[in-house]
Amino acid sequence: MKLQKTYTALLVADLAAAEDWYTKLLGRGPDFRPMDTWVQWELSDRGGLALSTDEEISGTGVMFVVVEDIAAERNRLQTLGIALGPDFQGDYSTLAQLRDPDGNLFTLATPPKPYPPA
């Protein structure tokens, strides 16, 4: 398999409300609206995030995002009324989590230490 890009697709109950919440979280609106039940952010040249109300194409999920500075993100989110949980040290990086209004788990992580080989 030669991957070109990956997307995390999360199921949401109200697409407009979820779009508003993720616009605040990510600091910008979505890049594409390919269909009435789907909005999509390009987060890097290799991946992105999609939100959908269609259970056929997405499901409740978990997303990990590596950020440079969790403390800066915590401060930014706090000013928007979004509470990020406490930092905790994982095996490879520091993590902080929150749930979106639909219960999807969103984890911010610092750049990880090298993983062991598979």
PDB file of N, CA and C in Angstrom:
ATOM      1  N   MET A   1       0.847  -1.179   0.000  1.00  0.00           N
ATOM      2  CA  MET A   1       0.000   0.000   0.000  1.00  0.00           C
ATOM      3  C   MET A   1       0.890   1.239   0.000  1.00  0.00           C
ATOM      4  N   LYS A   2       0.658   2.102  -0.940  1.00  0.00           N
ATOM      5  CA  LYS A   2       1.409   3.354  -1.021  1.00  0.00           C
ATOM      6  C   LYS A   2       0.469   4.496  -0.629  1.00  0.00           C
ATOM      7  N   LEU A   3       0.532   4.904   0.637  1.00  0.00           N
ATOM      8  CA  LEU A   3      -0.357   5.936   1.153  1.00  0.00           C
ATOM      9  C   LEU A   3       0.054   7.316   0.661  1.00  0.00           C
ATOM     10  N   GLN A   4      -0.931   8.108   0.317  1.00  0.00           N
ATOM     11  CA  GLN A   4      -0.676   9.485  -0.061  1.00  0.00           C
ATOM     12  C   GLN A   4      -1.140  10.438   1.023  1.00  0.00           C
ATOM     13  N   LYS A   5      -2.239  10.085   1.715  1.00  0.00           N
ATOM     14  CA  LYS A   5      -2.793  10.952   2.740  1.00  0.00           C
ATOM     15  C   LYS A   5      -3.724  10.125   3.612  1.00  0.00           C
ATOM     16  N   THR A   6      -3.843  10.500   4.887  1.00  0.00           N
ATOM     17  CA  THR A   6      -4.801   9.846   5.773  1.00  0.00           C
ATOM     18  C   THR A   6      -5.682  10.909   6.424  1.00  0.00           C
ATOM     19  N   TYR A   7      -6.911  10.528   6.703  1.00  0.00           N
ATOM     20  CA  TYR A   7      -7.860  11.405   7.373  1.00  0.00           C
ATOM     21  C   TYR A   7      -8.446  10.697   8.578  1.00  0.00           C
ATOM     22  N   THR A   8      -8.646  11.443   9.625  1.00  0.00           N
ATOM     23  CA  THR A   8      -9.458  10.981  10.739  1.00  0.00           C
ATOM     24  C   THR A   8     -10.851  11.520  10.463  1.00  0.00           C
ATOM     25  N   ALA A   9     -11.846  10.641  10.465  1.00  0.00           N
ATOM     26  CA  ALA A   9     -13.230  11.064  10.238  1.00  0.00           C
ATOM     27  C   ALA A   9     -14.018  10.784  11.511  1.00  0.00           C
ATOM     28  N   LEU A  10     -14.643  11.816  12.049  1.00  0.00           N
ATOM     29  CA  LEU A  10     -15.390  11.707  13.292  1.00  0.00           C
ATOM     30  C   LEU A  10     -16.874  11.915  13.040  1.00  0.00           C
ATOM     31  N   LEU A  11     -17.693  11.100  13.691  1.00  0.00           N
ATOM     32  CA  LEU A  11     -19.130  11.218  13.591  1.00  0.00           C
ATOM     33  C   LEU A  11     -19.618  12.298  14.539  1.00  0.00           C
ATOM     34  N   VAL A  12     -20.470  13.183  14.054  1.00  0.00           N
ATOM     35  CA  VAL A  12     -21.028  14.261  14.862  1.00  0.00           C
ATOM     36  C   VAL A  12     -22.547  14.296  14.681  1.00  0.00           C
ATOM     37  N   ALA A  13     -23.245  14.779  15.693  1.00  0.00           N
ATOM     38  CA  ALA A  13     -24.704  14.852  15.629  1.00  0.00           C
ATOM     39  C   ALA A  13     -25.178  16.085  14.868  1.00  0.00           C
ATOM     40  N   ASP A  14     -24.506  17.209  15.033  1.00  0.00           N
ATOM     41  CA  ASP A  14     -24.897  18.478  14.428  1.00  0.00           C
ATOM     42  C   ASP A  14     -23.667  19.039  13.719  1.00  0.00           C
ATOM     43  N   LEU A  15     -23.654  18.958  12.405  1.00  0.00           N
ATOM     44  CA  LEU A  15     -22.473  19.340  11.637  1.00  0.00           C
ATOM     45  C   LEU A  15     -22.111  20.813  11.819  1.00  0.00           C
ATOM     46  N   ALA A  16     -23.089  21.695  11.835  1.00  0.00           N
ATOM     47  CA  ALA A  16     -22.804  23.130  11.994  1.00  0.00           C
ATOM     48  C   ALA A  16     -22.186  23.419  13.355  1.00  0.00           C
ATOM     49  N   ALA A  17     -22.743  22.821  14.408  1.00  0.00           N
ATOM     50  CA  ALA A  17     -22.198  23.032  15.755  1.00  0.00           C
ATOM     51  C   ALA A  17     -20.795  22.450  15.868  1.00  0.00           C
ATOM     52  N   ALA A  18     -20.589  21.264  15.300  1.00  0.00           N
ATOM     53  CA  ALA A  18     -19.263  20.635  15.351  1.00  0.00           C
ATOM     54  C   ALA A  18     -18.253  21.445  14.542  1.00  0.00           C
ATOM     55  N   GLU A  19     -18.676  21.951  13.395  1.00  0.00           N
ATOM     56  CA  GLU A  19     -17.781  22.786  12.588  1.00  0.00           C
ATOM     57  C   GLU A  19     -17.353  24.022  13.370  1.00  0.00           C
ATOM     58  N   ASP A  20     -18.283  24.645  14.059  1.00  0.00           N
ATOM     59  CA  ASP A  20     -17.962  25.815  14.871  1.00  0.00           C
ATOM     60  C   ASP A  20     -16.960  25.461  15.968  1.00  0.00           C
ATOM     61  N   TRP A  21     -17.192  24.350  16.677  1.00  0.00           N
ATOM     62  CA  TRP A  21     -16.315  23.932  17.772  1.00  0.00           C
ATOM     63  C   TRP A  21     -14.911  23.613  17.249  1.00  0.00           C
ATOM     64  N   TYR A  22     -14.815  22.858  16.147  1.00  0.00           N
ATOM     65  CA  TYR A  22     -13.502  22.505  15.597  1.00  0.00           C
ATOM     66  C   TYR A  22     -12.817  23.704  14.949  1.00  0.00           C
ATOM     67  N   THR A  23     -13.580  24.657  14.438  1.00  0.00           N
ATOM     68  CA  THR A  23     -12.980  25.891  13.930  1.00  0.00           C
ATOM     69  C   THR A  23     -12.267  26.618  15.062  1.00  0.00           C
ATOM     70  N   LYS A  24     -12.890  26.664  16.226  1.00  0.00           N
ATOM     71  CA  LYS A  24     -12.236  27.269  17.397  1.00  0.00           C
ATOM     72  C   LYS A  24     -11.016  26.452  17.802  1.00  0.00           C
ATOM     73  N   LEU A  25     -11.183  25.132  17.901  1.00  0.00           N
ATOM     74  CA  LEU A  25     -10.089  24.260  18.332  1.00  0.00           C
ATOM     75  C   LEU A  25      -8.883  24.379  17.407  1.00  0.00           C
ATOM     76  N   LEU A  26      -9.117  24.326  16.110  1.00  0.00           N
ATOM     77  CA  LEU A  26      -8.027  24.321  15.139  1.00  0.00           C
ATOM     78  C   LEU A  26      -7.566  25.717  14.724  1.00  0.00           C
ATOM     79  N   GLY A  27      -8.330  26.735  15.093  1.00  0.00           N
ATOM     80  CA  GLY A  27      -7.931  28.099  14.789  1.00  0.00           C
ATOM     81  C   GLY A  27      -8.274  28.568  13.386  1.00  0.00           C
ATOM     82  N   ARG A  28      -9.069  27.773  12.656  1.00  0.00           N
ATOM     83  CA  ARG A  28      -9.497  28.165  11.306  1.00  0.00           C
ATOM     84  C   ARG A  28     -10.626  27.246  10.845  1.00  0.00           C
ATOM     85  N   GLY A  29     -11.360  27.713   9.874  1.00  0.00           N
ATOM     86  CA  GLY A  29     -12.466  26.928   9.334  1.00  0.00           C
ATOM     87  C   GLY A  29     -11.997  25.807   8.429  1.00  0.00           C
ATOM     88  N   PRO A  30     -12.935  24.964   7.998  1.00  0.00           N
ATOM     89  CA  PRO A  30     -12.582  23.829   7.138  1.00  0.00           C
ATOM     90  C   PRO A  30     -12.125  24.289   5.752  1.00  0.00           C
ATOM     91  N   ASP A  31     -11.371  23.408   5.107  1.00  0.00           N
ATOM     92  CA  ASP A  31     -10.872  23.697   3.767  1.00  0.00           C
ATOM     93  C   ASP A  31     -11.846  23.284   2.667  1.00  0.00           C
ATOM     94  N   PHE A  32     -12.626  22.224   2.920  1.00  0.00           N
ATOM     95  CA  PHE A  32     -13.514  21.693   1.889  1.00  0.00           C
ATOM     96  C   PHE A  32     -14.847  21.259   2.475  1.00  0.00           C
ATOM     97  N   ARG A  33     -15.867  21.296   1.621  1.00  0.00           N
ATOM     98  CA  ARG A  33     -17.206  20.779   1.929  1.00  0.00           C
ATOM     99  C   ARG A  33     -17.617  19.907   0.751  1.00  0.00           C
ATOM    100  N   PRO A  34     -17.062  18.694   0.657  1.00  0.00           N
ATOM    101  CA  PRO A  34     -17.330  17.871  -0.516  1.00  0.00           C
ATOM    102  C   PRO A  34     -18.759  17.356  -0.614  1.00  0.00           C
ATOM    103  N   MET A  35     -19.495  17.360   0.485  1.00  0.00           N
ATOM    104  CA  MET A  35     -20.899  16.946   0.456  1.00  0.00           C
ATOM    105  C   MET A  35     -21.633  17.584   1.626  1.00  0.00           C
ATOM    106  N   ASP A  36     -22.946  17.515   1.617  1.00  0.00           N
ATOM    107  CA  ASP A  36     -23.752  18.161   2.659  1.00  0.00           C
ATOM    108  C   ASP A  36     -23.497  17.611   4.053  1.00  0.00           C
ATOM    109  N   THR A  37     -23.035  16.380   4.146  1.00  0.00           N
ATOM    110  CA  THR A  37     -22.838  15.734   5.451  1.00  0.00           C
ATOM    111  C   THR A  37     -21.367  15.656   5.863  1.00  0.00           C
ATOM    112  N   TRP A  38     -20.493  16.445   5.230  1.00  0.00           N
ATOM    113  CA  TRP A  38     -19.044  16.278   5.436  1.00  0.00           C
ATOM    114  C   TRP A  38     -18.332  17.614   5.323  1.00  0.00           C
ATOM    115  N   VAL A  39     -17.472  17.954   6.311  1.00  0.00           N
ATOM    116  CA  VAL A  39     -16.539  19.079   6.206  1.00  0.00           C
ATOM    117  C   VAL A  39     -15.144  18.539   6.488  1.00  0.00           C
ATOM    118  N   GLN A  40     -14.143  19.182   5.891  1.00  0.00           N
ATOM    119  CA  GLN A  40     -12.803  18.589   5.922  1.00  0.00           C
ATOM    120  C   GLN A  40     -11.717  19.659   6.065  1.00  0.00           C
ATOM    121  N   TRP A  41     -10.778  19.377   6.968  1.00  0.00           N
ATOM    122  CA  TRP A  41      -9.599  20.226   7.158  1.00  0.00           C
ATOM    123  C   TRP A  41      -8.377  19.494   6.634  1.00  0.00           C
ATOM    124  N   GLU A  42      -7.537  20.211   5.922  1.00  0.00           N
ATOM    125  CA  GLU A  42      -6.226  19.704   5.534  1.00  0.00           C
ATOM    126  C   GLU A  42      -5.270  20.161   6.635  1.00  0.00           C
ATOM    127  N   LEU A  43      -4.786  19.236   7.444  1.00  0.00           N
ATOM    128  CA  LEU A  43      -3.937  19.606   8.576  1.00  0.00           C
ATOM    129  C   LEU A  43      -2.455  19.562   8.239  1.00  0.00           C
ATOM    130  N   SER A  44      -2.105  18.807   7.222  1.00  0.00           N
ATOM    131  CA  SER A  44      -0.728  18.748   6.742  1.00  0.00           C
ATOM    132  C   SER A  44      -0.783  18.210   5.316  1.00  0.00           C
ATOM    133  N   ASP A  45       0.382  18.081   4.692  1.00  0.00           N
ATOM    134  CA  ASP A  45       0.376  17.527   3.338  1.00  0.00           C
ATOM    135  C   ASP A  45       0.098  16.028   3.339  1.00  0.00           C
ATOM    136  N   ARG A  46       0.072  15.410   4.523  1.00  0.00           N
ATOM    137  CA  ARG A  46      -0.131  13.963   4.618  1.00  0.00           C
ATOM    138  C   ARG A  46      -1.392  13.552   5.362  1.00  0.00           C
ATOM    139  N   GLY A  47      -2.154  14.511   5.908  1.00  0.00           N
ATOM    140  CA  GLY A  47      -3.329  14.099   6.651  1.00  0.00           C
ATOM    141  C   GLY A  47      -4.277  15.229   6.971  1.00  0.00           C
ATOM    142  N   GLY A  48      -5.463  14.817   7.397  1.00  0.00           N
ATOM    143  CA  GLY A  48      -6.464  15.810   7.724  1.00  0.00           C
ATOM    144  C   GLY A  48      -7.544  15.260   8.636  1.00  0.00           C
ATOM    145  N   LEU A  49      -8.527  16.094   8.882  1.00  0.00           N
ATOM    146  CA  LEU A  49      -9.647  15.775   9.754  1.00  0.00           C
ATOM    147  C   LEU A  49     -10.932  16.008   8.987  1.00  0.00           C
ATOM    148  N   ALA A  50     -11.868  15.077   9.126  1.00  0.00           N
ATOM    149  CA  ALA A  50     -13.189  15.242   8.534  1.00  0.00           C
ATOM    150  C   ALA A  50     -14.234  15.033   9.615  1.00  0.00           C
ATOM    151  N   LEU A  51     -15.318  15.777   9.514  1.00  0.00           N
ATOM    152  CA  LEU A  51     -16.465  15.616  10.395  1.00  0.00           C
ATOM    153  C   LEU A  51     -17.651  15.262   9.514  1.00  0.00           C
ATOM    154  N   SER A  52     -18.476  14.330   9.992  1.00  0.00           N
ATOM    155  CA  SER A  52     -19.622  13.921   9.197  1.00  0.00           C
ATOM    156  C   SER A  52     -20.787  13.530  10.088  1.00  0.00           C
ATOM    157  N   THR A  53     -21.989  13.733   9.579  1.00  0.00           N
ATOM    158  CA  THR A  53     -23.196  13.268  10.254  1.00  0.00           C
ATOM    159  C   THR A  53     -23.663  11.937   9.680  1.00  0.00           C
ATOM    160  N   ASP A  54     -22.925  11.408   8.725  1.00  0.00           N
ATOM    161  CA  ASP A  54     -23.304  10.177   8.040  1.00  0.00           C
ATOM    162  C   ASP A  54     -22.599   8.973   8.668  1.00  0.00           C
ATOM    163  N   GLU A  55     -23.349   8.126   9.354  1.00  0.00           N
ATOM    164  CA  GLU A  55     -22.770   6.950  10.015  1.00  0.00           C
ATOM    165  C   GLU A  55     -22.178   5.954   9.033  1.00  0.00           C
ATOM    166  N   GLU A  56     -22.531   6.061   7.766  1.00  0.00           N
ATOM    167  CA  GLU A  56     -21.990   5.159   6.752  1.00  0.00           C
ATOM    168  C   GLU A  56     -20.523   5.451   6.446  1.00  0.00           C
ATOM    169  N   ILE A  57     -20.105   6.697   6.676  1.00  0.00           N
ATOM    170  CA  ILE A  57     -18.740   7.063   6.274  1.00  0.00           C
ATOM    171  C   ILE A  57     -17.864   7.523   7.431  1.00  0.00           C
ATOM    172  N   SER A  58     -18.379   7.564   8.643  1.00  0.00           N
ATOM    173  CA  SER A  58     -17.538   7.924   9.790  1.00  0.00           C
ATOM    174  C   SER A  58     -18.131   7.332  11.054  1.00  0.00           C
ATOM    175  N   GLY A  59     -17.343   7.307  12.091  1.00  0.00           N
ATOM    176  CA  GLY A  59     -17.808   6.784  13.365  1.00  0.00           C
ATOM    177  C   GLY A  59     -17.167   7.531  14.514  1.00  0.00           C
ATOM    178  N   THR A  60     -17.750   7.396  15.700  1.00  0.00           N
ATOM    179  CA  THR A  60     -17.172   8.050  16.866  1.00  0.00           C
ATOM    180  C   THR A  60     -15.724   7.605  16.986  1.00  0.00           C
ATOM    181  N   GLY A  61     -14.831   8.530  17.273  1.00  0.00           N
ATOM    182  CA  GLY A  61     -13.439   8.154  17.214  1.00  0.00           C
ATOM    183  C   GLY A  61     -12.517   8.913  18.125  1.00  0.00           C
ATOM    184  N   VAL A  62     -11.250   8.742  17.835  1.00  0.00           N
ATOM    185  CA  VAL A  62     -10.149   9.319  18.584  1.00  0.00           C
ATOM    186  C   VAL A  62      -9.196   9.951  17.578  1.00  0.00           C
ATOM    187  N   MET A  63      -8.673  11.131  17.926  1.00  0.00           N
ATOM    188  CA  MET A  63      -7.691  11.775  17.066  1.00  0.00           C
ATOM    189  C   MET A  63      -6.522  12.259  17.909  1.00  0.00           C
ATOM    190  N   PHE A  64      -5.306  12.003  17.444  1.00  0.00           N
ATOM    191  CA  PHE A  64      -4.086  12.489  18.069  1.00  0.00           C
ATOM    192  C   PHE A  64      -3.484  13.552  17.156  1.00  0.00           C
ATOM    193  N   VAL A  65      -3.086  14.665  17.744  1.00  0.00           N
ATOM    194  CA  VAL A  65      -2.451  15.743  16.999  1.00  0.00           C
ATOM    195  C   VAL A  65      -1.177  16.132  17.739  1.00  0.00           C
ATOM    196  N   VAL A  66      -0.070  16.121  17.033  1.00  0.00           N
ATOM    197  CA  VAL A  66       1.204  16.542  17.621  1.00  0.00           C
ATOM    198  C   VAL A  66       1.324  18.050  17.448  1.00  0.00           C
ATOM    199  N   VAL A  67       1.555  18.744  18.569  1.00  0.00           N
ATOM    200  CA  VAL A  67       1.709  20.203  18.559  1.00  0.00           C
ATOM    201  C   VAL A  67       3.054  20.563  19.179  1.00  0.00           C
ATOM    202  N   GLU A  68       3.543  21.724  18.854  1.00  0.00           N
ATOM    203  CA  GLU A  68       4.851  22.153  19.365  1.00  0.00           C
ATOM    204  C   GLU A  68       4.810  22.447  20.862  1.00  0.00           C
ATOM    205  N   ASP A  69       3.710  23.063  21.328  1.00  0.00           N
ATOM    206  CA  ASP A  69       3.666  23.552  22.702  1.00  0.00           C
ATOM    207  C   ASP A  69       2.267  23.383  23.291  1.00  0.00           C
ATOM    208  N   ILE A  70       2.084  22.369  24.127  1.00  0.00           N
ATOM    209  CA  ILE A  70       0.770  22.112  24.727  1.00  0.00           C
ATOM    210  C   ILE A  70       0.336  23.275  25.613  1.00  0.00           C
ATOM    211  N   ALA A  71       1.250  23.883  26.341  1.00  0.00           N
ATOM    212  CA  ALA A  71       0.890  24.999  27.226  1.00  0.00           C
ATOM    213  C   ALA A  71       0.309  26.161  26.419  1.00  0.00           C
ATOM    214  N   ALA A  72       0.912  26.459  25.281  1.00  0.00           N
ATOM    215  CA  ALA A  72       0.400  27.539  24.429  1.00  0.00           C
ATOM    216  C   ALA A  72      -0.989  27.184  23.895  1.00  0.00           C
ATOM    217  N   GLU A  73      -1.173  25.930  23.506  1.00  0.00           N
ATOM    218  CA  GLU A  73      -2.484  25.500  23.019  1.00  0.00           C
ATOM    219  C   GLU A  73      -3.520  25.536  24.142  1.00  0.00           C
ATOM    220  N   ARG A  74      -3.122  25.145  25.333  1.00  0.00           N
ATOM    221  CA  ARG A  74      -4.025  25.189  26.493  1.00  0.00           C
ATOM    222  C   ARG A  74      -4.502  26.628  26.722  1.00  0.00           C
ATOM    223  N   ASN A  75      -3.577  27.579  26.674  1.00  0.00           N
ATOM    224  CA  ASN A  75      -3.937  28.988  26.872  1.00  0.00           C
ATOM    225  C   ASN A  75      -4.857  29.488  25.763  1.00  0.00           C
ATOM    226  N   ARG A  76      -4.541  29.132  24.531  1.00  0.00           N
ATOM    227  CA  ARG A  76      -5.369  29.565  23.401  1.00  0.00           C
ATOM    228  C   ARG A  76      -6.779  29.004  23.521  1.00  0.00           C
ATOM    229  N   LEU A  77      -6.880  27.713  23.827  1.00  0.00           N
ATOM    230  CA  LEU A  77      -8.192  27.070  23.941  1.00  0.00           C
ATOM    231  C   LEU A  77      -8.988  27.627  25.123  1.00  0.00           C
ATOM    232  N   GLN A  78      -8.308  27.892  26.215  1.00  0.00           N
ATOM    233  CA  GLN A  78      -8.979  28.434  27.399  1.00  0.00           C
ATOM    234  C   GLN A  78      -9.659  29.762  27.074  1.00  0.00           C
ATOM    235  N   THR A  79      -9.018  30.609  26.275  1.00  0.00           N
ATOM    236  CA  THR A  79      -9.629  31.889  25.905  1.00  0.00           C
ATOM    237  C   THR A  79     -10.874  31.693  25.046  1.00  0.00           C
ATOM    238  N   LEU A  80     -11.007  30.514  24.432  1.00  0.00           N
ATOM    239  CA  LEU A  80     -12.163  30.199  23.601  1.00  0.00           C
ATOM    240  C   LEU A  80     -13.230  29.412  24.357  1.00  0.00           C
ATOM    241  N   GLY A  81     -12.979  29.153  25.643  1.00  0.00           N
ATOM    242  CA  GLY A  81     -13.942  28.399  26.437  1.00  0.00           C
ATOM    243  C   GLY A  81     -13.857  26.898  26.240  1.00  0.00           C
ATOM    244  N   ILE A  82     -12.736  26.412  25.732  1.00  0.00           N
ATOM    245  CA  ILE A  82     -12.527  24.975  25.538  1.00  0.00           C
ATOM    246  C   ILE A  82     -11.520  24.507  26.573  1.00  0.00           C
ATOM    247  N   ALA A  83     -11.948  23.587  27.443  1.00  0.00           N
ATOM    248  CA  ALA A  83     -11.096  23.123  28.545  1.00  0.00           C
ATOM    249  C   ALA A  83     -10.309  21.887  28.131  1.00  0.00           C
ATOM    250  N   LEU A  84      -9.016  22.008  28.145  1.00  0.00           N
ATOM    251  CA  LEU A  84      -8.116  20.893  27.884  1.00  0.00           C
ATOM    252  C   LEU A  84      -7.780  20.248  29.215  1.00  0.00           C
ATOM    253  N   GLY A  85      -7.838  18.926  29.281  1.00  0.00           N
ATOM    254  CA  GLY A  85      -7.534  18.215  30.520  1.00  0.00           C
ATOM    255  C   GLY A  85      -6.082  18.391  30.930  1.00  0.00           C
ATOM    256  N   PRO A  86      -5.725  17.861  32.106  1.00  0.00           N
ATOM    257  CA  PRO A  86      -4.360  18.028  32.600  1.00  0.00           C
ATOM    258  C   PRO A  86      -3.339  17.299  31.730  1.00  0.00           C
ATOM    259  N   ASP A  87      -2.111  17.803  31.757  1.00  0.00           N
ATOM    260  CA  ASP A  87      -1.013  17.114  31.074  1.00  0.00           C
ATOM    261  C   ASP A  87      -0.725  15.809  31.787  1.00  0.00           C
ATOM    262  N   PHE A  88      -0.391  14.782  31.002  1.00  0.00           N
ATOM    263  CA  PHE A  88       0.135  13.569  31.604  1.00  0.00           C
ATOM    264  C   PHE A  88       1.242  13.038  30.713  1.00  0.00           C
ATOM    265  N   GLN A  89       2.219  12.462  31.363  1.00  0.00           N
ATOM    266  CA  GLN A  89       3.398  11.984  30.660  1.00  0.00           C
ATOM    267  C   GLN A  89       3.140  10.587  30.134  1.00  0.00           C
ATOM    268  N   GLY A  90       3.169  10.441  28.814  1.00  0.00           N
ATOM    269  CA  GLY A  90       3.079   9.134  28.189  1.00  0.00           C
ATOM    270  C   GLY A  90       4.470   8.546  28.053  1.00  0.00           C
ATOM    271  N   ASP A  91       4.546   7.392  27.447  1.00  0.00           N
ATOM    272  CA  ASP A  91       5.845   6.749  27.252  1.00  0.00           C
ATOM    273  C   ASP A  91       6.752   7.528  26.300  1.00  0.00           C
ATOM    274  N   TYR A  92       6.155   8.260  25.352  1.00  0.00           N
ATOM    275  CA  TYR A  92       6.951   8.913  24.320  1.00  0.00           C
ATOM    276  C   TYR A  92       6.764  10.412  24.224  1.00  0.00           C
ATOM    277  N   SER A  93       5.719  10.943  24.860  1.00  0.00           N
ATOM    278  CA  SER A  93       5.500  12.385  24.825  1.00  0.00           C
ATOM    279  C   SER A  93       4.527  12.787  25.922  1.00  0.00           C
ATOM    280  N   THR A  94       4.363  14.086  26.101  1.00  0.00           N
ATOM    281  CA  THR A  94       3.373  14.610  27.037  1.00  0.00           C
ATOM    282  C   THR A  94       2.052  14.744  26.293  1.00  0.00           C
ATOM    283  N   LEU A  95       0.970  14.362  26.950  1.00  0.00           N
ATOM    284  CA  LEU A  95      -0.351  14.364  26.332  1.00  0.00           C
ATOM    285  C   LEU A  95      -1.321  15.195  27.155  1.00  0.00           C
ATOM    286  N   ALA A  96      -2.335  15.741  26.494  1.00  0.00           N
ATOM    287  CA  ALA A  96      -3.459  16.395  27.156  1.00  0.00           C
ATOM    288  C   ALA A  96      -4.679  16.122  26.281  1.00  0.00           C
ATOM    289  N   GLN A  97      -5.817  15.839  26.917  1.00  0.00           N
ATOM    290  CA  GLN A  97      -6.980  15.417  26.151  1.00  0.00           C
ATOM    291  C   GLN A  97      -8.226  16.246  26.452  1.00  0.00           C
ATOM    292  N   LEU A  98      -9.155  16.165  25.535  1.00  0.00           N
ATOM    293  CA  LEU A  98     -10.480  16.742  25.720  1.00  0.00           C
ATOM    294  C   LEU A  98     -11.441  15.959  24.845  1.00  0.00           C
ATOM    295  N   ARG A  99     -12.720  16.089  25.146  1.00  0.00           N
ATOM    296  CA  ARG A  99     -13.753  15.466  24.315  1.00  0.00           C
ATOM    297  C   ARG A  99     -14.543  16.570  23.633  1.00  0.00           C
ATOM    298  N   ASP A 100     -14.864  16.327  22.362  1.00  0.00           N
ATOM    299  CA  ASP A 100     -15.704  17.296  21.665  1.00  0.00           C
ATOM    300  C   ASP A 100     -17.143  17.130  22.134  1.00  0.00           C
ATOM    301  N   PRO A 101     -18.052  18.000  21.739  1.00  0.00           N
ATOM    302  CA  PRO A 101     -19.429  17.907  22.212  1.00  0.00           C
ATOM    303  C   PRO A 101     -20.133  16.587  21.850  1.00  0.00           C
ATOM    304  N   ASP A 102     -19.598  15.834  20.873  1.00  0.00           N
ATOM    305  CA  ASP A 102     -20.177  14.546  20.498  1.00  0.00           C
ATOM    306  C   ASP A 102     -19.496  13.369  21.180  1.00  0.00           C
ATOM    307  N   GLY A 103     -18.516  13.640  22.042  1.00  0.00           N
ATOM    308  CA  GLY A 103     -17.839  12.580  22.777  1.00  0.00           C
ATOM    309  C   GLY A 103     -16.598  12.021  22.118  1.00  0.00           C
ATOM    310  N   ASN A 104     -16.215  12.537  20.935  1.00  0.00           N
ATOM    311  CA  ASN A 104     -14.979  12.096  20.295  1.00  0.00           C
ATOM    312  C   ASN A 104     -13.792  12.572  21.127  1.00  0.00           C
ATOM    313  N   LEU A 105     -12.803  11.701  21.318  1.00  0.00           N
ATOM    314  CA  LEU A 105     -11.624  12.028  22.111  1.00  0.00           C
ATOM    315  C   LEU A 105     -10.568  12.686  21.233  1.00  0.00           C
ATOM    316  N   PHE A 106     -10.097  13.851  21.656  1.00  0.00           N
ATOM    317  CA  PHE A 106      -9.089  14.618  20.936  1.00  0.00           C
ATOM    318  C   PHE A 106      -7.884  14.729  21.852  1.00  0.00           C
ATOM    319  N   THR A 107      -6.734  14.248  21.406  1.00  0.00           N
ATOM    320  CA  THR A 107      -5.513  14.251  22.212  1.00  0.00           C
ATOM    321  C   THR A 107      -4.458  15.123  21.555  1.00  0.00           C
ATOM    322  N   LEU A 108      -3.917  16.067  22.326  1.00  0.00           N
ATOM    323  CA  LEU A 108      -2.761  16.843  21.883  1.00  0.00           C
ATOM    324  C   LEU A 108      -1.527  16.178  22.464  1.00  0.00           C
ATOM    325  N   ALA A 109      -0.477  16.103  21.685  1.00  0.00           N
ATOM    326  CA  ALA A 109       0.765  15.472  22.133  1.00  0.00           C
ATOM    327  C   ALA A 109       1.949  16.326  21.726  1.00  0.00           C
ATOM    328  N   THR A 110       2.976  16.336  22.567  1.00  0.00           N
ATOM    329  CA  THR A 110       4.221  16.992  22.194  1.00  0.00           C
ATOM    330  C   THR A 110       4.944  16.086  21.199  1.00  0.00           C
ATOM    331  N   PRO A 111       5.882  16.632  20.441  1.00  0.00           N
ATOM    332  CA  PRO A 111       6.619  15.764  19.519  1.00  0.00           C
ATOM    333  C   PRO A 111       7.215  14.581  20.271  1.00  0.00           C
ATOM    334  N   PRO A 112       6.963  13.366  19.776  1.00  0.00           N
ATOM    335  CA  PRO A 112       7.385  12.179  20.518  1.00  0.00           C
ATOM    336  C   PRO A 112       8.875  11.896  20.423  1.00  0.00           C
ATOM    337  N   LYS A 113       9.352  11.223  21.478  1.00  0.00           N
ATOM    338  CA  LYS A 113      10.692  10.642  21.421  1.00  0.00           C
ATOM    339  C   LYS A 113      10.629   9.518  20.390  1.00  0.00           C
ATOM    340  N   PRO A 114      11.757   9.071  19.892  1.00  0.00           N
ATOM    341  CA  PRO A 114      11.728   7.988  18.892  1.00  0.00           C
ATOM    342  C   PRO A 114      11.018   6.741  19.441  1.00  0.00           C
ATOM    343  N   TYR A 115      10.169   6.176  18.610  1.00  0.00           N
ATOM    344  CA  TYR A 115       9.487   4.926  18.969  1.00  0.00           C
ATOM    345  C   TYR A 115      10.447   3.763  18.765  1.00  0.00           C
ATOM    346  N   PRO A 116      10.215   2.661  19.496  1.00  0.00           N
ATOM    347  CA  PRO A 116      11.041   1.483  19.231  1.00  0.00           C
ATOM    348  C   PRO A 116      10.660   0.902  17.856  1.00  0.00           C
ATOM    349  N   PRO A 117      11.591   0.235  17.190  1.00  0.00           N
ATOM    350  CA  PRO A 117      11.270  -0.348  15.876  1.00  0.00           C
ATOM    351  C   PRO A 117      10.185  -1.422  15.998  1.00  0.00           C
ATOM    352  N   ALA A 118       9.423  -1.563  14.945  1.00  0.00           N
ATOM    353  CA  ALA A 118       8.345  -2.575  14.924  1.00  0.00           C
ATOM    354  C   ALA A 118       8.921  -3.958  14.771  1.00  0.00           C
TER     355      ALA A 118
END
